[in-house]
Amino acid sequence: MDESLYLAAFIAVSAVATFLTRATPFLFLSRHSNHPFILHLGRYLPAAVMCLLVVIFLLRSAQWQAPLFGADAVLPSALVILLQLWRHNALLSIVAGTLTYMGIQQI
């Protein structure tokens, strides 16, 4: 099989699989959108996932042996929390935290 044809087939299969995993909940749960459990998940699951990502980030990417003991993870995280509480703007919080983290990594 030609390499470009193989790559095109791989991309097509990946795109279909990604689309199906995104569309399946809407197809099967559309009748149950007002169910209390679905409403509960919609309200609390995004925050829980974000908290889990923060914990994973703090545990895996922080350089806890660095001179400032984890400052590369704690400072951007604190900035994101403060900006979110102050401005209530997720985009601003994410961009500022990312830029702060990348700036610390360049030092």
PDB file of N, CA and C in Angstrom:
ATOM      1  N   MET A   1       0.845  -1.175   0.000  1.00  0.00           N
ATOM      2  CA  MET A   1       0.000   0.000   0.000  1.00  0.00           C
ATOM      3  C   MET A   1       0.895   1.243   0.000  1.00  0.00           C
ATOM      4  N   ASP A   2       0.530   2.205  -0.815  1.00  0.00           N
ATOM      5  CA  ASP A   2       1.279   3.446  -0.901  1.00  0.00           C
ATOM      6  C   ASP A   2       1.221   4.172   0.446  1.00  0.00           C
ATOM      7  N   GLU A   3       2.313   4.812   0.808  1.00  0.00           N
ATOM      8  CA  GLU A   3       2.392   5.473   2.120  1.00  0.00           C
ATOM      9  C   GLU A   3       1.366   6.598   2.260  1.00  0.00           C
ATOM     10  N   SER A   4       1.146   7.386   1.211  1.00  0.00           N
ATOM     11  CA  SER A   4       0.175   8.477   1.306  1.00  0.00           C
ATOM     12  C   SER A   4      -1.248   7.939   1.414  1.00  0.00           C
ATOM     13  N   LEU A   5      -1.527   6.817   0.745  1.00  0.00           N
ATOM     14  CA  LEU A   5      -2.849   6.204   0.860  1.00  0.00           C
ATOM     15  C   LEU A   5      -3.057   5.647   2.269  1.00  0.00           C
ATOM     16  N   TYR A   6      -2.004   5.058   2.827  1.00  0.00           N
ATOM     17  CA  TYR A   6      -2.070   4.549   4.191  1.00  0.00           C
ATOM     18  C   TYR A   6      -2.344   5.679   5.185  1.00  0.00           C
ATOM     19  N   LEU A   7      -1.648   6.802   5.032  1.00  0.00           N
ATOM     20  CA  LEU A   7      -1.856   7.939   5.927  1.00  0.00           C
ATOM     21  C   LEU A   7      -3.261   8.516   5.780  1.00  0.00           C
ATOM     22  N   ALA A   8      -3.757   8.599   4.546  1.00  0.00           N
ATOM     23  CA  ALA A   8      -5.114   9.108   4.321  1.00  0.00           C
ATOM     24  C   ALA A   8      -6.142   8.191   4.966  1.00  0.00           C
ATOM     25  N   ALA A   9      -5.949   6.866   4.847  1.00  0.00           N
ATOM     26  CA  ALA A   9      -6.869   5.912   5.474  1.00  0.00           C
ATOM     27  C   ALA A   9      -6.801   6.023   6.992  1.00  0.00           C
ATOM     28  N   PHE A  10      -5.610   6.187   7.525  1.00  0.00           N
ATOM     29  CA  PHE A  10      -5.451   6.327   8.969  1.00  0.00           C
ATOM     30  C   PHE A  10      -6.153   7.580   9.480  1.00  0.00           C
ATOM     31  N   ILE A  11      -5.993   8.692   8.772  1.00  0.00           N
ATOM     32  CA  ILE A  11      -6.644   9.941   9.169  1.00  0.00           C
ATOM     33  C   ILE A  11      -8.156   9.813   9.077  1.00  0.00           C
ATOM     34  N   ALA A  12      -8.655   9.160   8.023  1.00  0.00           N
ATOM     35  CA  ALA A  12     -10.103   8.988   7.858  1.00  0.00           C
ATOM     36  C   ALA A  12     -10.685   8.132   8.976  1.00  0.00           C
ATOM     37  N   VAL A  13     -10.033   7.028   9.287  1.00  0.00           N
ATOM     38  CA  VAL A  13     -10.525   6.153  10.360  1.00  0.00           C
ATOM     39  C   VAL A  13     -10.469   6.879  11.704  1.00  0.00           C
ATOM     40  N   SER A  14      -9.407   7.632  11.953  1.00  0.00           N
ATOM     41  CA  SER A  14      -9.296   8.397  13.201  1.00  0.00           C
ATOM     42  C   SER A  14     -10.392   9.452  13.293  1.00  0.00           C
ATOM     43  N   ALA A  15     -10.672  10.119  12.185  1.00  0.00           N
ATOM     44  CA  ALA A  15     -11.716  11.147  12.182  1.00  0.00           C
ATOM     45  C   ALA A  15     -13.087  10.532  12.445  1.00  0.00           C
ATOM     46  N   VAL A  16     -13.382   9.412  11.819  1.00  0.00           N
ATOM     47  CA  VAL A  16     -14.677   8.754  12.035  1.00  0.00           C
ATOM     48  C   VAL A  16     -14.794   8.273  13.477  1.00  0.00           C
ATOM     49  N   ALA A  17     -13.737   7.689  14.005  1.00  0.00           N
ATOM     50  CA  ALA A  17     -13.778   7.211  15.394  1.00  0.00           C
ATOM     51  C   ALA A  17     -13.961   8.370  16.360  1.00  0.00           C
ATOM     52  N   THR A  18     -13.270   9.476  16.121  1.00  0.00           N
ATOM     53  CA  THR A  18     -13.418  10.647  16.977  1.00  0.00           C
ATOM     54  C   THR A  18     -14.826  11.208  16.902  1.00  0.00           C
ATOM     55  N   PHE A  19     -15.366  11.301  15.693  1.00  0.00           N
ATOM     56  CA  PHE A  19     -16.723  11.801  15.532  1.00  0.00           C
ATOM     57  C   PHE A  19     -17.736  10.902  16.231  1.00  0.00           C
ATOM     58  N   LEU A  20     -17.582   9.599  16.104  1.00  0.00           N
ATOM     59  CA  LEU A  20     -18.525   8.682  16.744  1.00  0.00           C
ATOM     60  C   LEU A  20     -18.466   8.759  18.263  1.00  0.00           C
ATOM     61  N   THR A  21     -17.262   8.900  18.808  1.00  0.00           N
ATOM     62  CA  THR A  21     -17.178   9.010  20.272  1.00  0.00           C
ATOM     63  C   THR A  21     -17.779  10.320  20.770  1.00  0.00           C
ATOM     64  N   ARG A  22     -17.756  11.361  19.947  1.00  0.00           N
ATOM     65  CA  ARG A  22     -18.370  12.631  20.344  1.00  0.00           C
ATOM     66  C   ARG A  22     -19.886  12.617  20.140  1.00  0.00           C
ATOM     67  N   ALA A  23     -20.355  11.950  19.100  1.00  0.00           N
ATOM     68  CA  ALA A  23     -21.780  11.978  18.754  1.00  0.00           C
ATOM     69  C   ALA A  23     -22.599  10.956  19.530  1.00  0.00           C
ATOM     70  N   THR A  24     -21.999   9.871  19.976  1.00  0.00           N
ATOM     71  CA  THR A  24     -22.743   8.794  20.630  1.00  0.00           C
ATOM     72  C   THR A  24     -23.552   9.262  21.838  1.00  0.00           C
ATOM     73  N   PRO A  25     -22.994  10.043  22.766  1.00  0.00           N
ATOM     74  CA  PRO A  25     -23.814  10.489  23.900  1.00  0.00           C
ATOM     75  C   PRO A  25     -25.029  11.306  23.467  1.00  0.00           C
ATOM     76  N   PHE A  26     -24.879  12.134  22.437  1.00  0.00           N
ATOM     77  CA  PHE A  26     -26.010  12.936  21.980  1.00  0.00           C
ATOM     78  C   PHE A  26     -27.082  12.068  21.339  1.00  0.00           C
ATOM     79  N   LEU A  27     -26.658  11.015  20.665  1.00  0.00           N
ATOM     80  CA  LEU A  27     -27.635  10.138  20.019  1.00  0.00           C
ATOM     81  C   LEU A  27     -28.421   9.315  21.035  1.00  0.00           C
ATOM     82  N   PHE A  28     -27.729   8.779  22.034  1.00  0.00           N
ATOM     83  CA  PHE A  28     -28.386   7.870  22.970  1.00  0.00           C
ATOM     84  C   PHE A  28     -28.982   8.568  24.195  1.00  0.00           C
ATOM     85  N   LEU A  29     -28.494   9.745  24.523  1.00  0.00           N
ATOM     86  CA  LEU A  29     -28.979  10.409  25.725  1.00  0.00           C
ATOM     87  C   LEU A  29     -29.869  11.612  25.437  1.00  0.00           C
ATOM     88  N   SER A  30     -30.215  11.836  24.186  1.00  0.00           N
ATOM     89  CA  SER A  30     -31.018  13.015  23.855  1.00  0.00           C
ATOM     90  C   SER A  30     -32.407  12.959  24.494  1.00  0.00           C
ATOM     91  N   ARG A  31     -32.968  11.774  24.634  1.00  0.00           N
ATOM     92  CA  ARG A  31     -34.289  11.646  25.265  1.00  0.00           C
ATOM     93  C   ARG A  31     -34.228  11.836  26.766  1.00  0.00           C
ATOM     94  N   HIS A  32     -33.053  11.695  27.333  1.00  0.00           N
ATOM     95  CA  HIS A  32     -32.908  11.757  28.790  1.00  0.00           C
ATOM     96  C   HIS A  32     -32.203  13.034  29.247  1.00  0.00           C
ATOM     97  N   SER A  33     -32.258  14.090  28.451  1.00  0.00           N
ATOM     98  CA  SER A  33     -31.501  15.297  28.770  1.00  0.00           C
ATOM     99  C   SER A  33     -32.002  15.997  30.036  1.00  0.00           C
ATOM    100  N   ASN A  34     -33.206  15.747  30.457  1.00  0.00           N
ATOM    101  CA  ASN A  34     -33.735  16.356  31.678  1.00  0.00           C
ATOM    102  C   ASN A  34     -33.690  15.421  32.878  1.00  0.00           C
ATOM    103  N   HIS A  35     -33.050  14.279  32.725  1.00  0.00           N
ATOM    104  CA  HIS A  35     -32.923  13.329  33.824  1.00  0.00           C
ATOM    105  C   HIS A  35     -32.010  13.934  34.894  1.00  0.00           C
ATOM    106  N   PRO A  36     -32.359  13.779  36.171  1.00  0.00           N
ATOM    107  CA  PRO A  36     -31.562  14.396  37.245  1.00  0.00           C
ATOM    108  C   PRO A  36     -30.082  13.979  37.240  1.00  0.00           C
ATOM    109  N   PHE A  37     -29.812  12.728  36.900  1.00  0.00           N
ATOM    110  CA  PHE A  37     -28.425  12.272  36.875  1.00  0.00           C
ATOM    111  C   PHE A  37     -27.632  12.975  35.770  1.00  0.00           C
ATOM    112  N   ILE A  38     -28.232  13.123  34.601  1.00  0.00           N
ATOM    113  CA  ILE A  38     -27.568  13.800  33.488  1.00  0.00           C
ATOM    114  C   ILE A  38     -27.343  15.275  33.834  1.00  0.00           C
ATOM    115  N   LEU A  39     -28.319  15.904  34.458  1.00  0.00           N
ATOM    116  CA  LEU A  39     -28.158  17.300  34.874  1.00  0.00           C
ATOM    117  C   LEU A  39     -27.056  17.441  35.923  1.00  0.00           C
ATOM    118  N   HIS A  40     -26.987  16.470  36.831  1.00  0.00           N
ATOM    119  CA  HIS A  40     -25.939  16.466  37.854  1.00  0.00           C
ATOM    120  C   HIS A  40     -24.558  16.337  37.213  1.00  0.00           C
ATOM    121  N   LEU A  41     -24.427  15.398  36.264  1.00  0.00           N
ATOM    122  CA  LEU A  41     -23.155  15.237  35.574  1.00  0.00           C
ATOM    123  C   LEU A  41     -22.777  16.499  34.805  1.00  0.00           C
ATOM    124  N   GLY A  42     -23.738  17.104  34.137  1.00  0.00           N
ATOM    125  CA  GLY A  42     -23.474  18.317  33.375  1.00  0.00           C
ATOM    126  C   GLY A  42     -23.039  19.480  34.244  1.00  0.00           C
ATOM    127  N   ARG A  43     -23.497  19.472  35.473  1.00  0.00           N
ATOM    128  CA  ARG A  43     -23.141  20.575  36.370  1.00  0.00           C
ATOM    129  C   ARG A  43     -21.791  20.375  37.041  1.00  0.00           C
ATOM    130  N   TYR A  44     -21.484  19.161  37.486  1.00  0.00           N
ATOM    131  CA  TYR A  44     -20.302  18.937  38.308  1.00  0.00           C
ATOM    132  C   TYR A  44     -19.142  18.252  37.593  1.00  0.00           C
ATOM    133  N   LEU A  45     -19.373  17.529  36.526  1.00  0.00           N
ATOM    134  CA  LEU A  45     -18.299  16.784  35.880  1.00  0.00           C
ATOM    135  C   LEU A  45     -17.226  17.686  35.261  1.00  0.00           C
ATOM    136  N   PRO A  46     -17.562  18.788  34.590  1.00  0.00           N
ATOM    137  CA  PRO A  46     -16.482  19.628  34.047  1.00  0.00           C
ATOM    138  C   PRO A  46     -15.523  20.146  35.117  1.00  0.00           C
ATOM    139  N   ALA A  47     -16.041  20.576  36.239  1.00  0.00           N
ATOM    140  CA  ALA A  47     -15.167  21.054  37.318  1.00  0.00           C
ATOM    141  C   ALA A  47     -14.330  19.910  37.894  1.00  0.00           C
ATOM    142  N   ALA A  48     -14.915  18.738  38.011  1.00  0.00           N
ATOM    143  CA  ALA A  48     -14.179  17.586  38.537  1.00  0.00           C
ATOM    144  C   ALA A  48     -13.052  17.188  37.592  1.00  0.00           C
ATOM    145  N   VAL A  49     -13.308  17.218  36.307  1.00  0.00           N
ATOM    146  CA  VAL A  49     -12.271  16.881  35.334  1.00  0.00           C
ATOM    147  C   VAL A  49     -11.147  17.904  35.383  1.00  0.00           C
ATOM    148  N   MET A  50     -11.490  19.189  35.494  1.00  0.00           N
ATOM    149  CA  MET A  50     -10.457  20.216  35.572  1.00  0.00           C
ATOM    150  C   MET A  50      -9.622  20.058  36.842  1.00  0.00           C
ATOM    151  N   CYS A  51     -10.249  19.735  37.959  1.00  0.00           N
ATOM    152  CA  CYS A  51      -9.506  19.514  39.199  1.00  0.00           C
ATOM    153  C   CYS A  51      -8.564  18.322  39.059  1.00  0.00           C
ATOM    154  N   LEU A  52      -9.035  17.272  38.424  1.00  0.00           N
ATOM    155  CA  LEU A  52      -8.196  16.101  38.202  1.00  0.00           C
ATOM    156  C   LEU A  52      -7.003  16.448  37.318  1.00  0.00           C
ATOM    157  N   LEU A  53      -7.221  17.234  36.274  1.00  0.00           N
ATOM    158  CA  LEU A  53      -6.117  17.655  35.416  1.00  0.00           C
ATOM    159  C   LEU A  53      -5.100  18.500  36.175  1.00  0.00           C
ATOM    160  N   VAL A  54      -5.572  19.354  37.062  1.00  0.00           N
ATOM    161  CA  VAL A  54      -4.657  20.175  37.870  1.00  0.00           C
ATOM    162  C   VAL A  54      -3.822  19.291  38.786  1.00  0.00           C
ATOM    163  N   VAL A  55      -4.448  18.318  39.420  1.00  0.00           N
ATOM    164  CA  VAL A  55      -3.713  17.424  40.318  1.00  0.00           C
ATOM    165  C   VAL A  55      -2.666  16.638  39.532  1.00  0.00           C
ATOM    166  N   ILE A  56      -3.043  16.125  38.378  1.00  0.00           N
ATOM    167  CA  ILE A  56      -2.085  15.391  37.548  1.00  0.00           C
ATOM    168  C   ILE A  56      -0.941  16.310  37.130  1.00  0.00           C
ATOM    169  N   PHE A  57      -1.277  17.542  36.736  1.00  0.00           N
ATOM    170  CA  PHE A  57      -0.240  18.500  36.355  1.00  0.00           C
ATOM    171  C   PHE A  57       0.714  18.762  37.501  1.00  0.00           C
ATOM    172  N   LEU A  58       0.171  19.002  38.690  1.00  0.00           N
ATOM    173  CA  LEU A  58       1.025  19.309  39.837  1.00  0.00           C
ATOM    174  C   LEU A  58       1.906  18.129  40.228  1.00  0.00           C
ATOM    175  N   LEU A  59       1.393  16.921  40.079  1.00  0.00           N
ATOM    176  CA  LEU A  59       2.168  15.745  40.471  1.00  0.00           C
ATOM    177  C   LEU A  59       3.198  15.337  39.435  1.00  0.00           C
ATOM    178  N   ARG A  60       2.888  15.525  38.161  1.00  0.00           N
ATOM    179  CA  ARG A  60       3.768  15.008  37.121  1.00  0.00           C
ATOM    180  C   ARG A  60       4.727  16.027  36.546  1.00  0.00           C
ATOM    181  N   SER A  61       4.321  17.274  36.396  1.00  0.00           N
ATOM    182  CA  SER A  61       5.187  18.197  35.662  1.00  0.00           C
ATOM    183  C   SER A  61       6.006  19.108  36.554  1.00  0.00           C
ATOM    184  N   ALA A  62       5.663  19.199  37.808  1.00  0.00           N
ATOM    185  CA  ALA A  62       6.415  20.095  38.689  1.00  0.00           C
ATOM    186  C   ALA A  62       7.803  19.524  38.953  1.00  0.00           C
ATOM    187  N   GLN A  63       8.769  20.413  39.002  1.00  0.00           N
ATOM    188  CA  GLN A  63      10.135  20.008  39.334  1.00  0.00           C
ATOM    189  C   GLN A  63      10.329  20.226  40.829  1.00  0.00           C
ATOM    190  N   TRP A  64       9.955  19.245  41.603  1.00  0.00           N
ATOM    191  CA  TRP A  64       9.947  19.398  43.051  1.00  0.00           C
ATOM    192  C   TRP A  64      11.357  19.431  43.633  1.00  0.00           C
ATOM    193  N   GLN A  65      12.372  19.114  42.832  1.00  0.00           N
ATOM    194  CA  GLN A  65      13.742  19.209  43.316  1.00  0.00           C
ATOM    195  C   GLN A  65      14.370  20.548  42.922  1.00  0.00           C
ATOM    196  N   ALA A  66      13.641  21.394  42.246  1.00  0.00           N
ATOM    197  CA  ALA A  66      14.156  22.694  41.812  1.00  0.00           C
ATOM    198  C   ALA A  66      14.422  23.581  43.026  1.00  0.00           C
ATOM    199  N   PRO A  67      15.229  24.627  42.843  1.00  0.00           N
ATOM    200  CA  PRO A  67      15.534  25.518  43.979  1.00  0.00           C
ATOM    201  C   PRO A  67      14.295  26.135  44.620  1.00  0.00           C
ATOM    202  N   LEU A  68      13.263  26.409  43.855  1.00  0.00           N
ATOM    203  CA  LEU A  68      12.051  27.004  44.417  1.00  0.00           C
ATOM    204  C   LEU A  68      10.979  25.968  44.721  1.00  0.00           C
ATOM    205  N   PHE A  69      11.318  24.707  44.755  1.00  0.00           N
ATOM    206  CA  PHE A  69      10.461  23.601  45.167  1.00  0.00           C
ATOM    207  C   PHE A  69       9.033  23.681  44.616  1.00  0.00           C
ATOM    208  N   GLY A  70       8.885  23.383  43.351  1.00  0.00           N
ATOM    209  CA  GLY A  70       7.563  23.298  42.754  1.00  0.00           C
ATOM    210  C   GLY A  70       6.969  24.610  42.296  1.00  0.00           C
ATOM    211  N   ALA A  71       7.746  25.673  42.309  1.00  0.00           N
ATOM    212  CA  ALA A  71       7.210  26.974  41.909  1.00  0.00           C
ATOM    213  C   ALA A  71       6.774  26.985  40.457  1.00  0.00           C
ATOM    214  N   ASP A  72       7.374  26.112  39.635  1.00  0.00           N
ATOM    215  CA  ASP A  72       6.996  26.068  38.226  1.00  0.00           C
ATOM    216  C   ASP A  72       5.575  25.568  38.031  1.00  0.00           C
ATOM    217  N   ALA A  73       5.018  24.914  39.000  1.00  0.00           N
ATOM    218  CA  ALA A  73       3.632  24.463  38.905  1.00  0.00           C
ATOM    219  C   ALA A  73       2.702  25.269  39.804  1.00  0.00           C
ATOM    220  N   VAL A  74       3.171  25.624  40.966  1.00  0.00           N
ATOM    221  CA  VAL A  74       2.315  26.302  41.937  1.00  0.00           C
ATOM    222  C   VAL A  74       2.017  27.744  41.524  1.00  0.00           C
ATOM    223  N   LEU A  75       3.012  28.481  41.027  1.00  0.00           N
ATOM    224  CA  LEU A  75       2.790  29.876  40.646  1.00  0.00           C
ATOM    225  C   LEU A  75       1.783  30.016  39.502  1.00  0.00           C
ATOM    226  N   PRO A  76       1.925  29.292  38.390  1.00  0.00           N
ATOM    227  CA  PRO A  76       0.894  29.420  37.348  1.00  0.00           C
ATOM    228  C   PRO A  76      -0.484  28.972  37.821  1.00  0.00           C
ATOM    229  N   SER A  77      -0.531  27.937  38.651  1.00  0.00           N
ATOM    230  CA  SER A  77      -1.821  27.471  39.168  1.00  0.00           C
ATOM    231  C   SER A  77      -2.473  28.530  40.034  1.00  0.00           C
ATOM    232  N   ALA A  78      -1.698  29.156  40.892  1.00  0.00           N
ATOM    233  CA  ALA A  78      -2.241  30.215  41.741  1.00  0.00           C
ATOM    234  C   ALA A  78      -2.709  31.403  40.904  1.00  0.00           C
ATOM    235  N   LEU A  79      -1.946  31.742  39.867  1.00  0.00           N
ATOM    236  CA  LEU A  79      -2.346  32.833  38.986  1.00  0.00           C
ATOM    237  C   LEU A  79      -3.675  32.536  38.292  1.00  0.00           C
ATOM    238  N   VAL A  80      -3.828  31.312  37.811  1.00  0.00           N
ATOM    239  CA  VAL A  80      -5.078  30.922  37.153  1.00  0.00           C
ATOM    240  C   VAL A  80      -6.249  31.033  38.127  1.00  0.00           C
ATOM    241  N   ILE A  81      -6.067  30.560  39.335  1.00  0.00           N
ATOM    242  CA  ILE A  81      -7.142  30.617  40.327  1.00  0.00           C
ATOM    243  C   ILE A  81      -7.498  32.067  40.659  1.00  0.00           C
ATOM    244  N   LEU A  82      -6.497  32.884  40.889  1.00  0.00           N
ATOM    245  CA  LEU A  82      -6.759  34.283  41.228  1.00  0.00           C
ATOM    246  C   LEU A  82      -7.433  35.033  40.078  1.00  0.00           C
ATOM    247  N   LEU A  83      -6.941  34.836  38.863  1.00  0.00           N
ATOM    248  CA  LEU A  83      -7.563  35.507  37.722  1.00  0.00           C
ATOM    249  C   LEU A  83      -9.001  35.041  37.506  1.00  0.00           C
ATOM    250  N   GLN A  84      -9.243  33.751  37.698  1.00  0.00           N
ATOM    251  CA  GLN A  84     -10.598  33.241  37.506  1.00  0.00           C
ATOM    252  C   GLN A  84     -11.549  33.801  38.559  1.00  0.00           C
ATOM    253  N   LEU A  85     -11.087  33.890  39.796  1.00  0.00           N
ATOM    254  CA  LEU A  85     -11.932  34.452  40.850  1.00  0.00           C
ATOM    255  C   LEU A  85     -12.158  35.950  40.644  1.00  0.00           C
ATOM    256  N   TRP A  86     -11.156  36.635  40.106  1.00  0.00           N
ATOM    257  CA  TRP A  86     -11.244  38.088  39.938  1.00  0.00           C
ATOM    258  C   TRP A  86     -12.021  38.471  38.690  1.00  0.00           C
ATOM    259  N   ARG A  87     -11.677  37.910  37.528  1.00  0.00           N
ATOM    260  CA  ARG A  87     -12.243  38.349  36.260  1.00  0.00           C
ATOM    261  C   ARG A  87     -13.329  37.422  35.712  1.00  0.00           C
ATOM    262  N   HIS A  88     -13.416  36.195  36.189  1.00  0.00           N
ATOM    263  CA  HIS A  88     -14.399  35.214  35.695  1.00  0.00           C
ATOM    264  C   HIS A  88     -14.290  35.045  34.185  1.00  0.00           C
ATOM    265  N   ASN A  89     -13.068  34.986  33.683  1.00  0.00           N
ATOM    266  CA  ASN A  89     -12.816  34.851  32.257  1.00  0.00           C
ATOM    267  C   ASN A  89     -11.881  33.657  32.063  1.00  0.00           C
ATOM    268  N   ALA A  90     -12.432  32.556  31.578  1.00  0.00           N
ATOM    269  CA  ALA A  90     -11.650  31.327  31.448  1.00  0.00           C
ATOM    270  C   ALA A  90     -10.507  31.494  30.453  1.00  0.00           C
ATOM    271  N   LEU A  91     -10.760  32.186  29.352  1.00  0.00           N
ATOM    272  CA  LEU A  91      -9.705  32.355  28.344  1.00  0.00           C
ATOM    273  C   LEU A  91      -8.525  33.136  28.923  1.00  0.00           C
ATOM    274  N   LEU A  92      -8.805  34.213  29.626  1.00  0.00           N
ATOM    275  CA  LEU A  92      -7.747  34.993  30.252  1.00  0.00           C
ATOM    276  C   LEU A  92      -6.963  34.150  31.254  1.00  0.00           C
ATOM    277  N   SER A  93      -7.660  33.391  32.060  1.00  0.00           N
ATOM    278  CA  SER A  93      -7.002  32.553  33.064  1.00  0.00           C
ATOM    279  C   SER A  93      -6.106  31.508  32.416  1.00  0.00           C
ATOM    280  N   ILE A  94      -6.607  30.845  31.385  1.00  0.00           N
ATOM    281  CA  ILE A  94      -5.838  29.784  30.719  1.00  0.00           C
ATOM    282  C   ILE A  94      -4.612  30.369  30.027  1.00  0.00           C
ATOM    283  N   VAL A  95      -4.796  31.467  29.299  1.00  0.00           N
ATOM    284  CA  VAL A  95      -3.670  32.064  28.583  1.00  0.00           C
ATOM    285  C   VAL A  95      -2.610  32.572  29.562  1.00  0.00           C
ATOM    286  N   ALA A  96      -3.033  33.261  30.609  1.00  0.00           N
ATOM    287  CA  ALA A  96      -2.070  33.789  31.584  1.00  0.00           C
ATOM    288  C   ALA A  96      -1.324  32.657  32.285  1.00  0.00           C
ATOM    289  N   GLY A  97      -2.031  31.615  32.673  1.00  0.00           N
ATOM    290  CA  GLY A  97      -1.380  30.481  33.328  1.00  0.00           C
ATOM    291  C   GLY A  97      -0.407  29.767  32.411  1.00  0.00           C
ATOM    292  N   THR A  98      -0.809  29.588  31.162  1.00  0.00           N
ATOM    293  CA  THR A  98       0.067  28.922  30.198  1.00  0.00           C
ATOM    294  C   THR A  98       1.318  29.749  29.926  1.00  0.00           C
ATOM    295  N   LEU A  99       1.137  31.054  29.719  1.00  0.00           N
ATOM    296  CA  LEU A  99       2.296  31.922  29.466  1.00  0.00           C
ATOM    297  C   LEU A  99       3.235  31.969  30.672  1.00  0.00           C
ATOM    298  N   THR A 100       2.670  32.003  31.868  1.00  0.00           N
ATOM    299  CA  THR A 100       3.487  32.006  33.076  1.00  0.00           C
ATOM    300  C   THR A 100       4.274  30.710  33.195  1.00  0.00           C
ATOM    301  N   TYR A 101       3.605  29.576  32.962  1.00  0.00           N
ATOM    302  CA  TYR A 101       4.266  28.289  33.035  1.00  0.00           C
ATOM    303  C   TYR A 101       5.387  28.193  31.998  1.00  0.00           C
ATOM    304  N   MET A 102       5.092  28.611  30.762  1.00  0.00           N
ATOM    305  CA  MET A 102       6.113  28.529  29.713  1.00  0.00           C
ATOM    306  C   MET A 102       7.273  29.486  30.011  1.00  0.00           C
ATOM    307  N   GLY A 103       6.971  30.662  30.579  1.00  0.00           N
ATOM    308  CA  GLY A 103       8.042  31.581  30.962  1.00  0.00           C
ATOM    309  C   GLY A 103       8.947  31.000  32.034  1.00  0.00           C
ATOM    310  N   ILE A 104       8.360  30.356  33.032  1.00  0.00           N
ATOM    311  CA  ILE A 104       9.157  29.725  34.092  1.00  0.00           C
ATOM    312  C   ILE A 104       9.997  28.602  33.523  1.00  0.00           C
ATOM    313  N   GLN A 105       9.468  27.841  32.581  1.00  0.00           N
ATOM    314  CA  GLN A 105      10.221  26.731  31.987  1.00  0.00           C
ATOM    315  C   GLN A 105      11.422  27.218  31.169  1.00  0.00           C
ATOM    316  N   GLN A 106      11.348  28.454  30.662  1.00  0.00           N
ATOM    317  CA  GLN A 106      12.452  28.989  29.863  1.00  0.00           C
ATOM    318  C   GLN A 106      13.616  29.502  30.720  1.00  0.00           C
ATOM    319  N   ILE A 107      13.361  29.673  31.999  1.00  0.00           N
ATOM    320  CA  ILE A 107      14.418  30.183  32.887  1.00  0.00           C
ATOM    321  C   ILE A 107      15.446  29.110  33.157  1.00  0.00           C
TER     322      ILE A 107
END
